[in-house]
Amino acid sequence: MKDHVKRILHTFPGHQTVFRMLRNVPGLPEGLWKHLYFEGEFLVPIENHTFLLRHSGHRVENEIFWKGIFGQWEAHSLRIWFYLAKNRTALLTSEQTREFIAF
C-alpha cells in the first residue's frame, strides 16, 4: 500500500508544489516527510539570502528541503561551510577529499 501511494505521489506533476505547502505544516512527522522527495531545483533560505539546490531524490537534499540548511543533516559542517563561504567570491568543495577551497 505504502509503495502504491508513493508511486502515485511521485508521478503527480504538481507534487513539488504540494510538498512546499506541506513544509509549512508544523510538526509534520519525519516518518512522513522522509518519503516525500522529488527531483528538481528548490530555493534554500540562509540568513537573508537564498541559493538554488538541485534535489536528486536523495536523503541529503530531502532533509535540507524539509528541515532547512542547518536543520538536520550535517548541521555543524554546514555552519562551517556557510561561515567560510560568507565573504568569498567562490567556494569549491570536494566530496572525495572533503576539502574546502575558498577564493
Protein backbone atom coordinates (compact mmCIF):
# COMPACT_ATOMS: atom_id res chain seq x y z
CA MET A 1 0.00 0.00 0.00
CA LYS A 2 2.75 2.44 1.00
CA ASP A 3 4.65 1.79 -2.25
CA HIS A 4 1.45 2.34 -4.24
CA VAL A 5 0.83 5.72 -2.55
CA LYS A 6 4.48 6.77 -3.07
CA ARG A 7 4.30 5.83 -6.75
CA ILE A 8 1.14 7.93 -7.21
CA LEU A 9 2.64 10.89 -5.33
CA HIS A 10 5.83 10.89 -7.37
CA THR A 11 4.07 10.67 -10.73
CA PHE A 12 1.71 13.54 -9.89
CA PRO A 13 3.05 16.57 -11.85
CA GLY A 14 2.49 19.11 -9.06
CA HIS A 15 3.94 17.12 -6.17
CA GLN A 16 6.82 19.55 -5.57
CA THR A 17 4.30 22.38 -5.09
CA VAL A 18 2.27 20.25 -2.68
CA PHE A 19 5.45 19.41 -0.74
CA ARG A 20 6.33 23.13 -0.50
CA MET A 21 2.92 23.77 1.08
CA LEU A 22 3.29 20.79 3.44
CA ARG A 23 6.66 22.16 4.56
CA ASN A 24 4.77 24.90 6.43
CA VAL A 25 2.70 22.41 8.44
CA PRO A 26 4.09 22.46 11.99
CA GLY A 27 5.05 19.13 13.48
CA LEU A 28 4.95 17.14 10.24
CA PRO A 29 6.35 13.75 11.32
CA GLU A 30 9.72 12.70 9.94
CA GLY A 31 8.24 9.29 9.23
CA LEU A 32 6.05 11.01 6.64
CA TRP A 33 8.27 13.68 5.05
CA LYS A 34 11.29 11.39 4.64
CA HIS A 35 9.26 9.55 1.98
CA LEU A 36 8.17 12.75 0.22
CA TYR A 37 11.02 13.51 -2.13
CA PHE A 38 11.25 14.84 -5.66
CA GLU A 39 13.73 15.69 -8.37
CA GLY A 40 14.21 19.33 -9.29
CA GLU A 41 15.50 22.63 -8.00
CA PHE A 42 14.41 24.49 -4.89
CA LEU A 43 15.47 27.62 -3.05
CA VAL A 44 17.26 27.21 0.26
CA PRO A 45 16.94 30.20 2.61
CA ILE A 46 20.03 31.05 4.63
CA GLU A 47 20.08 34.19 6.77
CA ASN A 48 18.83 36.95 4.44
CA HIS A 49 19.87 35.13 1.24
CA THR A 50 18.83 32.10 -0.77
CA PHE A 51 20.61 29.71 -3.08
CA LEU A 52 19.36 27.17 -5.57
CA LEU A 53 19.88 23.50 -4.78
CA ARG A 54 19.26 20.62 -7.16
CA HIS A 55 17.27 17.84 -5.47
CA SER A 56 18.19 14.45 -6.92
CA GLY A 57 15.75 12.50 -4.78
CA HIS A 58 18.41 11.62 -2.19
CA ARG A 59 18.30 11.83 1.58
CA VAL A 60 20.63 14.83 1.96
CA GLU A 61 18.65 17.14 -0.32
CA ASN A 62 15.40 15.87 1.18
CA GLU A 63 16.46 16.70 4.73
CA ILE A 64 17.62 20.16 3.64
CA PHE A 65 14.30 20.71 1.83
CA TRP A 66 12.18 19.70 4.84
CA LYS A 67 14.30 20.87 7.80
CA GLY A 68 16.41 23.70 6.37
CA ILE A 69 20.12 24.07 5.74
CA PHE A 70 21.08 23.81 9.42
CA GLY A 71 18.13 21.66 10.49
CA GLN A 72 19.29 18.08 10.47
CA TRP A 73 21.86 16.73 8.02
CA GLU A 74 25.46 17.69 8.94
CA ALA A 75 24.29 20.88 10.64
CA HIS A 76 27.68 21.64 12.21
CA SER A 77 29.61 21.05 8.95
CA LEU A 78 27.16 23.22 7.02
CA ARG A 79 27.57 26.04 9.54
CA ILE A 80 31.34 25.89 8.92
CA TRP A 81 30.72 25.86 5.16
CA PHE A 82 28.46 28.90 5.48
CA TYR A 83 31.00 30.77 7.61
CA LEU A 84 33.73 30.10 5.04
CA ALA A 85 31.50 30.93 2.07
CA LYS A 86 30.03 34.10 3.58
CA ASN A 87 32.76 36.51 2.49
CA ARG A 88 34.13 34.66 -0.50
CA THR A 89 33.64 35.10 -4.21
CA ALA A 90 33.75 31.35 -4.75
CA LEU A 91 33.89 28.27 -2.58
CA LEU A 92 34.61 24.86 -4.04
CA THR A 93 34.06 21.65 -2.15
CA SER A 94 35.21 18.17 -2.96
CA GLU A 95 33.12 15.17 -1.96
CA GLN A 96 36.04 12.78 -2.40
CA THR A 97 38.52 14.63 -0.19
CA ARG A 98 36.10 16.61 1.99
CA GLU A 99 38.12 19.80 1.37
CA PHE A 100 37.02 23.42 1.22
CA ILE A 101 38.84 25.76 -1.18
CA ALA A 102 37.98 29.45 -0.80
CA PHE A 103 38.80 32.27 -3.25
